[in-house]
Amino acid sequence: MICPFSSSLGFLLLLIGYAAAGPDPDLRPRAVRSSACQEHTNLHNRLDVVEKKVEDTVEKLEVELATLLDAINAPKWRPLLDNAGQTAVDILDDPELRGQS
């Protein structure tokens, strides 16, 4: 495949310009890049620890919630809940109006 002269000349000028510009200014020394990679790894390790703590906390809360629900459904609380679908005491009612109904 033969490239037209203008394409070849453009590519050649591009290569010359790139070579004249020198090394990439964003290229950091190896020690700095290694440090950044280590910081990134450390950050992920800390996030893993936080994630584990959150999962443990959620598991504990699930166990506590199950215990509370079992306690609420216990026979000693049943009379307060089984009143033809109505609770014996509605905690959302105004206390002053509670005695009138």
PDB file of N, CA and C in Angstrom:
ATOM      1  N   MET A   1       0.851  -1.165   0.000  1.00  0.00           N
ATOM      2  CA  MET A   1       0.000   0.000   0.000  1.00  0.00           C
ATOM      3  C   MET A   1       0.898   1.229   0.000  1.00  0.00           C
ATOM      4  N   ILE A   2       0.664   2.132  -0.904  1.00  0.00           N
ATOM      5  CA  ILE A   2       1.479   3.339  -1.039  1.00  0.00           C
ATOM      6  C   ILE A   2       0.671   4.509  -0.500  1.00  0.00           C
ATOM      7  N   CYS A   3       1.293   5.253   0.450  1.00  0.00           N
ATOM      8  CA  CYS A   3       0.626   6.413   1.043  1.00  0.00           C
ATOM      9  C   CYS A   3       0.895   7.636   0.180  1.00  0.00           C
ATOM     10  N   PRO A   4      -0.053   8.527   0.084  1.00  0.00           N
ATOM     11  CA  PRO A   4       0.197   9.768  -0.631  1.00  0.00           C
ATOM     12  C   PRO A   4       1.302  10.566   0.071  1.00  0.00           C
ATOM     13  N   PHE A   5       1.959  11.412  -0.683  1.00  0.00           N
ATOM     14  CA  PHE A   5       3.081  12.181  -0.166  1.00  0.00           C
ATOM     15  C   PHE A   5       2.670  13.052   1.015  1.00  0.00           C
ATOM     16  N   SER A   6       1.491  13.670   0.972  1.00  0.00           N
ATOM     17  CA  SER A   6       1.060  14.567   2.055  1.00  0.00           C
ATOM     18  C   SER A   6       0.828  13.792   3.354  1.00  0.00           C
ATOM     19  N   SER A   7       0.312  12.577   3.268  1.00  0.00           N
ATOM     20  CA  SER A   7       0.108  11.765   4.466  1.00  0.00           C
ATOM     21  C   SER A   7       1.438  11.357   5.071  1.00  0.00           C
ATOM     22  N   SER A   8       2.383  10.972   4.227  1.00  0.00           N
ATOM     23  CA  SER A   8       3.698  10.584   4.726  1.00  0.00           C
ATOM     24  C   SER A   8       4.415  11.758   5.361  1.00  0.00           C
ATOM     25  N   LEU A   9       4.316  12.918   4.717  1.00  0.00           N
ATOM     26  CA  LEU A   9       4.952  14.110   5.250  1.00  0.00           C
ATOM     27  C   LEU A   9       4.311  14.516   6.571  1.00  0.00           C
ATOM     28  N   GLY A  10       3.015  14.426   6.680  1.00  0.00           N
ATOM     29  CA  GLY A  10       2.314  14.759   7.928  1.00  0.00           C
ATOM     30  C   GLY A  10       2.721  13.832   9.058  1.00  0.00           C
ATOM     31  N   PHE A  11       2.819  12.557   8.748  1.00  0.00           N
ATOM     32  CA  PHE A  11       3.222  11.584   9.765  1.00  0.00           C
ATOM     33  C   PHE A  11       4.663  11.830  10.204  1.00  0.00           C
ATOM     34  N   LEU A  12       5.526  12.136   9.247  1.00  0.00           N
ATOM     35  CA  LEU A  12       6.920  12.418   9.561  1.00  0.00           C
ATOM     36  C   LEU A  12       7.042  13.650  10.440  1.00  0.00           C
ATOM     37  N   LEU A  13       6.291  14.703  10.134  1.00  0.00           N
ATOM     38  CA  LEU A  13       6.313  15.923  10.956  1.00  0.00           C
ATOM     39  C   LEU A  13       5.768  15.649  12.362  1.00  0.00           C
ATOM     40  N   LEU A  14       4.784  14.807  12.463  1.00  0.00           N
ATOM     41  CA  LEU A  14       4.235  14.437  13.764  1.00  0.00           C
ATOM     42  C   LEU A  14       5.278  13.725  14.612  1.00  0.00           C
ATOM     43  N   LEU A  15       6.011  12.792  14.009  1.00  0.00           N
ATOM     44  CA  LEU A  15       7.062  12.074  14.735  1.00  0.00           C
ATOM     45  C   LEU A  15       8.192  13.008  15.156  1.00  0.00           C
ATOM     46  N   ILE A  16       8.559  13.927  14.283  1.00  0.00           N
ATOM     47  CA  ILE A  16       9.625  14.881  14.619  1.00  0.00           C
ATOM     48  C   ILE A  16       9.181  15.776  15.770  1.00  0.00           C
ATOM     49  N   GLY A  17       7.953  16.234  15.717  1.00  0.00           N
ATOM     50  CA  GLY A  17       7.433  17.086  16.796  1.00  0.00           C
ATOM     51  C   GLY A  17       7.385  16.346  18.121  1.00  0.00           C
ATOM     52  N   TYR A  18       7.003  15.100  18.086  1.00  0.00           N
ATOM     53  CA  TYR A  18       6.939  14.297  19.306  1.00  0.00           C
ATOM     54  C   TYR A  18       8.331  14.064  19.882  1.00  0.00           C
ATOM     55  N   ALA A  19       9.289  13.797  19.008  1.00  0.00           N
ATOM     56  CA  ALA A  19      10.659  13.570  19.462  1.00  0.00           C
ATOM     57  C   ALA A  19      11.271  14.855  19.998  1.00  0.00           C
ATOM     58  N   ALA A  20      10.956  15.985  19.394  1.00  0.00           N
ATOM     59  CA  ALA A  20      11.516  17.270  19.832  1.00  0.00           C
ATOM     60  C   ALA A  20      10.921  17.706  21.164  1.00  0.00           C
ATOM     61  N   ALA A  21       9.726  17.282  21.454  1.00  0.00           N
ATOM     62  CA  ALA A  21       9.070  17.691  22.695  1.00  0.00           C
ATOM     63  C   ALA A  21       9.724  17.065  23.906  1.00  0.00           C
ATOM     64  N   GLY A  22      10.432  15.995  23.746  1.00  0.00           N
ATOM     65  CA  GLY A  22      11.104  15.348  24.864  1.00  0.00           C
ATOM     66  C   GLY A  22      10.189  14.364  25.558  1.00  0.00           C
ATOM     67  N   PRO A  23      10.588  13.957  26.739  1.00  0.00           N
ATOM     68  CA  PRO A  23       9.785  12.959  27.456  1.00  0.00           C
ATOM     69  C   PRO A  23       8.447  13.554  27.897  1.00  0.00           C
ATOM     70  N   ASP A  24       7.538  12.686  28.135  1.00  0.00           N
ATOM     71  CA  ASP A  24       6.200  13.083  28.566  1.00  0.00           C
ATOM     72  C   ASP A  24       6.289  13.777  29.915  1.00  0.00           C
ATOM     73  N   PRO A  25       5.785  15.026  30.031  1.00  0.00           N
ATOM     74  CA  PRO A  25       5.905  15.744  31.303  1.00  0.00           C
ATOM     75  C   PRO A  25       5.072  15.112  32.429  1.00  0.00           C
ATOM     76  N   ASP A  26       4.062  14.326  32.078  1.00  0.00           N
ATOM     77  CA  ASP A  26       3.230  13.696  33.109  1.00  0.00           C
ATOM     78  C   ASP A  26       3.839  12.401  33.630  1.00  0.00           C
ATOM     79  N   LEU A  27       4.930  11.973  32.998  1.00  0.00           N
ATOM     80  CA  LEU A  27       5.557  10.737  33.423  1.00  0.00           C
ATOM     81  C   LEU A  27       6.329  11.000  34.713  1.00  0.00           C
ATOM     82  N   ARG A  28       5.866  10.381  35.786  1.00  0.00           N
ATOM     83  CA  ARG A  28       6.496  10.584  37.089  1.00  0.00           C
ATOM     84  C   ARG A  28       7.594   9.562  37.308  1.00  0.00           C
ATOM     85  N   PRO A  29       8.537   9.892  38.158  1.00  0.00           N
ATOM     86  CA  PRO A  29       9.599   8.922  38.460  1.00  0.00           C
ATOM     87  C   PRO A  29       9.008   7.640  39.043  1.00  0.00           C
ATOM     88  N   ARG A  30       9.777   6.561  38.907  1.00  0.00           N
ATOM     89  CA  ARG A  30       9.311   5.253  39.347  1.00  0.00           C
ATOM     90  C   ARG A  30       8.950   5.243  40.833  1.00  0.00           C
ATOM     91  N   ALA A  31       9.751   5.929  41.663  1.00  0.00           N
ATOM     92  CA  ALA A  31       9.481   5.947  43.104  1.00  0.00           C
ATOM     93  C   ALA A  31       8.144   6.615  43.396  1.00  0.00           C
ATOM     94  N   VAL A  32       7.826   7.671  42.664  1.00  0.00           N
ATOM     95  CA  VAL A  32       6.549   8.367  42.874  1.00  0.00           C
ATOM     96  C   VAL A  32       5.393   7.502  42.415  1.00  0.00           C
ATOM     97  N   ARG A  33       5.561   6.854  41.259  1.00  0.00           N
ATOM     98  CA  ARG A  33       4.497   5.971  40.774  1.00  0.00           C
ATOM     99  C   ARG A  33       4.285   4.815  41.725  1.00  0.00           C
ATOM    100  N   SER A  34       5.366   4.255  42.243  1.00  0.00           N
ATOM    101  CA  SER A  34       5.265   3.151  43.183  1.00  0.00           C
ATOM    102  C   SER A  34       4.553   3.597  44.454  1.00  0.00           C
ATOM    103  N   SER A  35       4.885   4.807  44.906  1.00  0.00           N
ATOM    104  CA  SER A  35       4.239   5.349  46.101  1.00  0.00           C
ATOM    105  C   SER A  35       2.742   5.529  45.870  1.00  0.00           C
ATOM    106  N   ALA A  36       2.397   6.046  44.689  1.00  0.00           N
ATOM    107  CA  ALA A  36       0.979   6.240  44.374  1.00  0.00           C
ATOM    108  C   ALA A  36       0.254   4.901  44.318  1.00  0.00           C
ATOM    109  N   CYS A  37       0.897   3.900  43.756  1.00  0.00           N
ATOM    110  CA  CYS A  37       0.280   2.572  43.696  1.00  0.00           C
ATOM    111  C   CYS A  37       0.109   1.993  45.097  1.00  0.00           C
ATOM    112  N   GLN A  38       1.092   2.216  45.950  1.00  0.00           N
ATOM    113  CA  GLN A  38       0.993   1.724  47.322  1.00  0.00           C
ATOM    114  C   GLN A  38      -0.131   2.426  48.074  1.00  0.00           C
ATOM    115  N   GLU A  39      -0.262   3.741  47.864  1.00  0.00           N
ATOM    116  CA  GLU A  39      -1.358   4.481  48.499  1.00  0.00           C
ATOM    117  C   GLU A  39      -2.704   3.957  48.010  1.00  0.00           C
ATOM    118  N   HIS A  40      -2.787   3.670  46.726  1.00  0.00           N
ATOM    119  CA  HIS A  40      -4.013   3.139  46.152  1.00  0.00           C
ATOM    120  C   HIS A  40      -4.338   1.775  46.770  1.00  0.00           C
ATOM    121  N   THR A  41      -3.334   0.937  46.909  1.00  0.00           N
ATOM    122  CA  THR A  41      -3.522  -0.380  47.527  1.00  0.00           C
ATOM    123  C   THR A  41      -3.936  -0.238  48.987  1.00  0.00           C
ATOM    124  N   ASN A  42      -3.285   0.680  49.701  1.00  0.00           N
ATOM    125  CA  ASN A  42      -3.636   0.911  51.107  1.00  0.00           C
ATOM    126  C   ASN A  42      -5.073   1.396  51.240  1.00  0.00           C
ATOM    127  N   LEU A  43      -5.481   2.275  50.335  1.00  0.00           N
ATOM    128  CA  LEU A  43      -6.857   2.766  50.367  1.00  0.00           C
ATOM    129  C   LEU A  43      -7.842   1.626  50.170  1.00  0.00           C
ATOM    130  N   HIS A  44      -7.562   0.747  49.219  1.00  0.00           N
ATOM    131  CA  HIS A  44      -8.452  -0.394  48.993  1.00  0.00           C
ATOM    132  C   HIS A  44      -8.469  -1.329  50.206  1.00  0.00           C
ATOM    133  N   ASN A  45      -7.324  -1.504  50.846  1.00  0.00           N
ATOM    134  CA  ASN A  45      -7.286  -2.349  52.045  1.00  0.00           C
ATOM    135  C   ASN A  45      -8.131  -1.751  53.158  1.00  0.00           C
ATOM    136  N   ARG A  46      -8.033  -0.435  53.343  1.00  0.00           N
ATOM    137  CA  ARG A  46      -8.848   0.212  54.382  1.00  0.00           C
ATOM    138  C   ARG A  46     -10.330   0.125  54.040  1.00  0.00           C
ATOM    139  N   LEU A  47     -10.672   0.285  52.758  1.00  0.00           N
ATOM    140  CA  LEU A  47     -12.071   0.154  52.353  1.00  0.00           C
ATOM    141  C   LEU A  47     -12.584  -1.262  52.583  1.00  0.00           C
ATOM    142  N   ASP A  48     -11.731  -2.258  52.385  1.00  0.00           N
ATOM    143  CA  ASP A  48     -12.119  -3.643  52.659  1.00  0.00           C
ATOM    144  C   ASP A  48     -12.423  -3.843  54.137  1.00  0.00           C
ATOM    145  N   VAL A  49     -11.617  -3.209  55.014  1.00  0.00           N
ATOM    146  CA  VAL A  49     -11.847  -3.312  56.460  1.00  0.00           C
ATOM    147  C   VAL A  49     -13.171  -2.650  56.816  1.00  0.00           C
ATOM    148  N   VAL A  50     -13.429  -1.475  56.252  1.00  0.00           N
ATOM    149  CA  VAL A  50     -14.686  -0.772  56.531  1.00  0.00           C
ATOM    150  C   VAL A  50     -15.868  -1.599  56.035  1.00  0.00           C
ATOM    151  N   GLU A  51     -15.743  -2.171  54.849  1.00  0.00           N
ATOM    152  CA  GLU A  51     -16.817  -2.996  54.308  1.00  0.00           C
ATOM    153  C   GLU A  51     -17.103  -4.192  55.222  1.00  0.00           C
ATOM    154  N   LYS A  52     -16.058  -4.823  55.733  1.00  0.00           N
ATOM    155  CA  LYS A  52     -16.221  -5.965  56.634  1.00  0.00           C
ATOM    156  C   LYS A  52     -16.930  -5.542  57.913  1.00  0.00           C
ATOM    157  N   LYS A  53     -16.537  -4.372  58.468  1.00  0.00           N
ATOM    158  CA  LYS A  53     -17.194  -3.887  59.689  1.00  0.00           C
ATOM    159  C   LYS A  53     -18.666  -3.580  59.447  1.00  0.00           C
ATOM    160  N   VAL A  54     -18.970  -3.003  58.292  1.00  0.00           N
ATOM    161  CA  VAL A  54     -20.368  -2.707  57.969  1.00  0.00           C
ATOM    162  C   VAL A  54     -21.165  -3.997  57.838  1.00  0.00           C
ATOM    163  N   GLU A  55     -20.603  -4.998  57.166  1.00  0.00           N
ATOM    164  CA  GLU A  55     -21.298  -6.281  57.025  1.00  0.00           C
ATOM    165  C   GLU A  55     -21.528  -6.930  58.386  1.00  0.00           C
ATOM    166  N   ASP A  56     -20.530  -6.873  59.276  1.00  0.00           N
ATOM    167  CA  ASP A  56     -20.685  -7.443  60.622  1.00  0.00           C
ATOM    168  C   ASP A  56     -21.769  -6.706  61.397  1.00  0.00           C
ATOM    169  N   THR A  57     -21.795  -5.381  61.278  1.00  0.00           N
ATOM    170  CA  THR A  57     -22.807  -4.587  61.979  1.00  0.00           C
ATOM    171  C   THR A  57     -24.203  -4.910  61.467  1.00  0.00           C
ATOM    172  N   VAL A  58     -24.346  -5.051  60.163  1.00  0.00           N
ATOM    173  CA  VAL A  58     -25.650  -5.386  59.585  1.00  0.00           C
ATOM    174  C   VAL A  58     -26.103  -6.758  60.072  1.00  0.00           C
ATOM    175  N   GLU A  59     -25.187  -7.713  60.130  1.00  0.00           N
ATOM    176  CA  GLU A  59     -25.549  -9.046  60.621  1.00  0.00           C
ATOM    177  C   GLU A  59     -26.007  -8.983  62.078  1.00  0.00           C
ATOM    178  N   LYS A  60     -25.308  -8.204  62.905  1.00  0.00           N
ATOM    179  CA  LYS A  60     -25.702  -8.068  64.309  1.00  0.00           C
ATOM    180  C   LYS A  60     -27.067  -7.413  64.424  1.00  0.00           C
ATOM    181  N   LEU A  61     -27.307  -6.388  63.618  1.00  0.00           N
ATOM    182  CA  LEU A  61     -28.610  -5.714  63.656  1.00  0.00           C
ATOM    183  C   LEU A  61     -29.732  -6.639  63.191  1.00  0.00           C
ATOM    184  N   GLU A  62     -29.462  -7.484  62.210  1.00  0.00           N
ATOM    185  CA  GLU A  62     -30.469  -8.446  61.761  1.00  0.00           C
ATOM    186  C   GLU A  62     -30.824  -9.418  62.879  1.00  0.00           C
ATOM    187  N   VAL A  63     -29.812  -9.872  63.637  1.00  0.00           N
ATOM    188  CA  VAL A  63     -30.053 -10.786  64.752  1.00  0.00           C
ATOM    189  C   VAL A  63     -30.864 -10.085  65.833  1.00  0.00           C
ATOM    190  N   GLU A  64     -30.498  -8.836  66.151  1.00  0.00           N
ATOM    191  CA  GLU A  64     -31.240  -8.089  67.174  1.00  0.00           C
ATOM    192  C   GLU A  64     -32.672  -7.832  66.744  1.00  0.00           C
ATOM    193  N   LEU A  65     -32.871  -7.505  65.465  1.00  0.00           N
ATOM    194  CA  LEU A  65     -34.221  -7.275  64.960  1.00  0.00           C
ATOM    195  C   LEU A  65     -35.052  -8.543  65.039  1.00  0.00           C
ATOM    196  N   ALA A  66     -34.460  -9.673  64.683  1.00  0.00           N
ATOM    197  CA  ALA A  66     -35.184 -10.945  64.775  1.00  0.00           C
ATOM    198  C   ALA A  66     -35.561 -11.241  66.224  1.00  0.00           C
ATOM    199  N   THR A  67     -34.650 -10.944  67.152  1.00  0.00           N
ATOM    200  CA  THR A  67     -34.931 -11.163  68.577  1.00  0.00           C
ATOM    201  C   THR A  67     -36.078 -10.267  69.042  1.00  0.00           C
ATOM    202  N   LEU A  68     -36.050  -9.007  68.626  1.00  0.00           N
ATOM    203  CA  LEU A  68     -37.135  -8.082  69.002  1.00  0.00           C
ATOM    204  C   LEU A  68     -38.473  -8.516  68.423  1.00  0.00           C
ATOM    205  N   LEU A  69     -38.470  -8.953  67.175  1.00  0.00           N
ATOM    206  CA  LEU A  69     -39.728  -9.415  66.576  1.00  0.00           C
ATOM    207  C   LEU A  69     -40.248 -10.661  67.275  1.00  0.00           C
ATOM    208  N   ASP A  70     -39.361 -11.559  67.662  1.00  0.00           N
ATOM    209  CA  ASP A  70     -39.785 -12.733  68.425  1.00  0.00           C
ATOM    210  C   ASP A  70     -40.365 -12.328  69.771  1.00  0.00           C
ATOM    211  N   ALA A  71     -39.739 -11.330  70.413  1.00  0.00           N
ATOM    212  CA  ALA A  71     -40.243 -10.866  71.710  1.00  0.00           C
ATOM    213  C   ALA A  71     -41.613 -10.218  71.568  1.00  0.00           C
ATOM    214  N   ILE A  72     -41.811  -9.462  70.501  1.00  0.00           N
ATOM    215  CA  ILE A  72     -43.109  -8.812  70.290  1.00  0.00           C
ATOM    216  C   ILE A  72     -44.186  -9.855  70.021  1.00  0.00           C
ATOM    217  N   ASN A  73     -43.849 -10.902  69.327  1.00  0.00           N
ATOM    218  CA  ASN A  73     -44.825 -11.948  69.019  1.00  0.00           C
ATOM    219  C   ASN A  73     -44.982 -12.955  70.154  1.00  0.00           C
ATOM    220  N   ALA A  74     -44.306 -12.738  71.267  1.00  0.00           N
ATOM    221  CA  ALA A  74     -44.408 -13.643  72.415  1.00  0.00           C
ATOM    222  C   ALA A  74     -45.823 -13.605  72.993  1.00  0.00           C
ATOM    223  N   PRO A  75     -46.246 -14.688  73.652  1.00  0.00           N
ATOM    224  CA  PRO A  75     -47.609 -14.775  74.194  1.00  0.00           C
ATOM    225  C   PRO A  75     -47.953 -13.660  75.187  1.00  0.00           C
ATOM    226  N   LYS A  76     -46.991 -13.154  75.952  1.00  0.00           N
ATOM    227  CA  LYS A  76     -47.350 -12.126  76.938  1.00  0.00           C
ATOM    228  C   LYS A  76     -47.720 -10.791  76.280  1.00  0.00           C
ATOM    229  N   TRP A  77     -47.319 -10.559  75.031  1.00  0.00           N
ATOM    230  CA  TRP A  77     -47.697  -9.343  74.324  1.00  0.00           C
ATOM    231  C   TRP A  77     -48.906  -9.560  73.428  1.00  0.00           C
ATOM    232  N   ARG A  78     -49.307 -10.791  73.238  1.00  0.00           N
ATOM    233  CA  ARG A  78     -50.395 -11.110  72.325  1.00  0.00           C
ATOM    234  C   ARG A  78     -51.713 -10.395  72.670  1.00  0.00           C
ATOM    235  N   PRO A  79     -52.120 -10.264  73.937  1.00  0.00           N
ATOM    236  CA  PRO A  79     -53.390  -9.573  74.223  1.00  0.00           C
ATOM    237  C   PRO A  79     -53.390  -8.116  73.766  1.00  0.00           C
ATOM    238  N   LEU A  80     -52.249  -7.467  73.772  1.00  0.00           N
ATOM    239  CA  LEU A  80     -52.196  -6.080  73.308  1.00  0.00           C
ATOM    240  C   LEU A  80     -52.350  -5.988  71.793  1.00  0.00           C
ATOM    241  N   LEU A  81     -51.952  -7.029  71.096  1.00  0.00           N
ATOM    242  CA  LEU A  81     -52.001  -6.997  69.639  1.00  0.00           C
ATOM    243  C   LEU A  81     -53.269  -7.623  69.076  1.00  0.00           C
ATOM    244  N   ASP A  82     -53.854  -8.604  69.772  1.00  0.00           N
ATOM    245  CA  ASP A  82     -55.043  -9.298  69.265  1.00  0.00           C
ATOM    246  C   ASP A  82     -56.302  -8.700  69.872  1.00  0.00           C
ATOM    247  N   ASN A  83     -56.760  -7.636  69.316  1.00  0.00           N
ATOM    248  CA  ASN A  83     -57.986  -7.002  69.783  1.00  0.00           C
ATOM    249  C   ASN A  83     -58.803  -6.650  68.544  1.00  0.00           C
ATOM    250  N   ALA A  84     -59.213  -7.685  67.826  1.00  0.00           N
ATOM    251  CA  ALA A  84     -59.997  -7.547  66.595  1.00  0.00           C
ATOM    252  C   ALA A  84     -59.264  -6.658  65.589  1.00  0.00           C
ATOM    253  N   GLY A  85     -57.985  -6.867  65.480  1.00  0.00           N
ATOM    254  CA  GLY A  85     -57.208  -6.108  64.515  1.00  0.00           C
ATOM    255  C   GLY A  85     -56.776  -4.745  65.028  1.00  0.00           C
ATOM    256  N   GLN A  86     -57.248  -4.355  66.194  1.00  0.00           N
ATOM    257  CA  GLN A  86     -56.895  -3.063  66.785  1.00  0.00           C
ATOM    258  C   GLN A  86     -55.950  -3.298  67.948  1.00  0.00           C
ATOM    259  N   THR A  87     -55.022  -2.403  68.145  1.00  0.00           N
ATOM    260  CA  THR A  87     -54.158  -2.510  69.310  1.00  0.00           C
ATOM    261  C   THR A  87     -54.873  -1.912  70.512  1.00  0.00           C
ATOM    262  N   ALA A  88     -54.536  -2.397  71.713  1.00  0.00           N
ATOM    263  CA  ALA A  88     -55.180  -1.902  72.926  1.00  0.00           C
ATOM    264  C   ALA A  88     -54.822  -0.442  73.169  1.00  0.00           C
ATOM    265  N   VAL A  89     -53.606  -0.060  72.855  1.00  0.00           N
ATOM    266  CA  VAL A  89     -53.159   1.314  73.029  1.00  0.00           C
ATOM    267  C   VAL A  89     -52.501   1.745  71.733  1.00  0.00           C
ATOM    268  N   ASP A  90     -52.981   2.841  71.179  1.00  0.00           N
ATOM    269  CA  ASP A  90     -52.373   3.376  69.974  1.00  0.00           C
ATOM    270  C   ASP A  90     -51.430   4.491  70.387  1.00  0.00           C
ATOM    271  N   ILE A  91     -50.162   4.277  70.205  1.00  0.00           N
ATOM    272  CA  ILE A  91     -49.181   5.252  70.681  1.00  0.00           C
ATOM    273  C   ILE A  91     -49.203   6.537  69.863  1.00  0.00           C
ATOM    274  N   LEU A  92     -49.882   6.530  68.730  1.00  0.00           N
ATOM    275  CA  LEU A  92     -49.948   7.727  67.909  1.00  0.00           C
ATOM    276  C   LEU A  92     -51.141   8.611  68.247  1.00  0.00           C
ATOM    277  N   ASP A  93     -52.072   8.090  69.058  1.00  0.00           N
ATOM    278  CA  ASP A  93     -53.222   8.912  69.472  1.00  0.00           C
ATOM    279  C   ASP A  93     -52.786   9.989  70.450  1.00  0.00           C
ATOM    280  N   ASP A  94     -53.541  11.082  70.424  1.00  0.00           N
ATOM    281  CA  ASP A  94     -53.294  12.168  71.381  1.00  0.00           C
ATOM    282  C   ASP A  94     -53.734  11.677  72.772  1.00  0.00           C
ATOM    283  N   PRO A  95     -52.863  11.792  73.794  1.00  0.00           N
ATOM    284  CA  PRO A  95     -53.215  11.280  75.112  1.00  0.00           C
ATOM    285  C   PRO A  95     -54.478  11.904  75.706  1.00  0.00           C
ATOM    286  N   GLU A  96     -54.759  13.157  75.392  1.00  0.00           N
ATOM    287  CA  GLU A  96     -55.964  13.809  75.911  1.00  0.00           C
ATOM    288  C   GLU A  96     -57.221  13.241  75.296  1.00  0.00           C
ATOM    289  N   LEU A  97     -57.139  12.819  74.036  1.00  0.00           N
ATOM    290  CA  LEU A  97     -58.301  12.270  73.341  1.00  0.00           C
ATOM    291  C   LEU A  97     -58.489  10.794  73.620  1.00  0.00           C
ATOM    292  N   ARG A  98     -57.499  10.146  74.191  1.00  0.00           N
ATOM    293  CA  ARG A  98     -57.548   8.708  74.425  1.00  0.00           C
ATOM    294  C   ARG A  98     -58.667   8.348  75.413  1.00  0.00           C
ATOM    295  N   GLY A  99     -58.864   9.126  76.437  1.00  0.00           N
ATOM    296  CA  GLY A  99     -59.881   8.827  77.440  1.00  0.00           C
ATOM    297  C   GLY A  99     -61.286   9.102  76.945  1.00  0.00           C
ATOM    298  N   GLN A 100     -61.476   9.920  75.921  1.00  0.00           N
ATOM    299  CA  GLN A 100     -62.806  10.293  75.444  1.00  0.00           C
ATOM    300  C   GLN A 100     -63.415   9.237  74.528  1.00  0.00           C
ATOM    301  N   SER A 101     -62.618   8.411  73.885  1.00  0.00           N
ATOM    302  CA  SER A 101     -63.178   7.467  72.945  1.00  0.00           C
ATOM    303  C   SER A 101     -63.551   6.170  73.567  1.00  0.00           C
TER     304      SER A 101
END
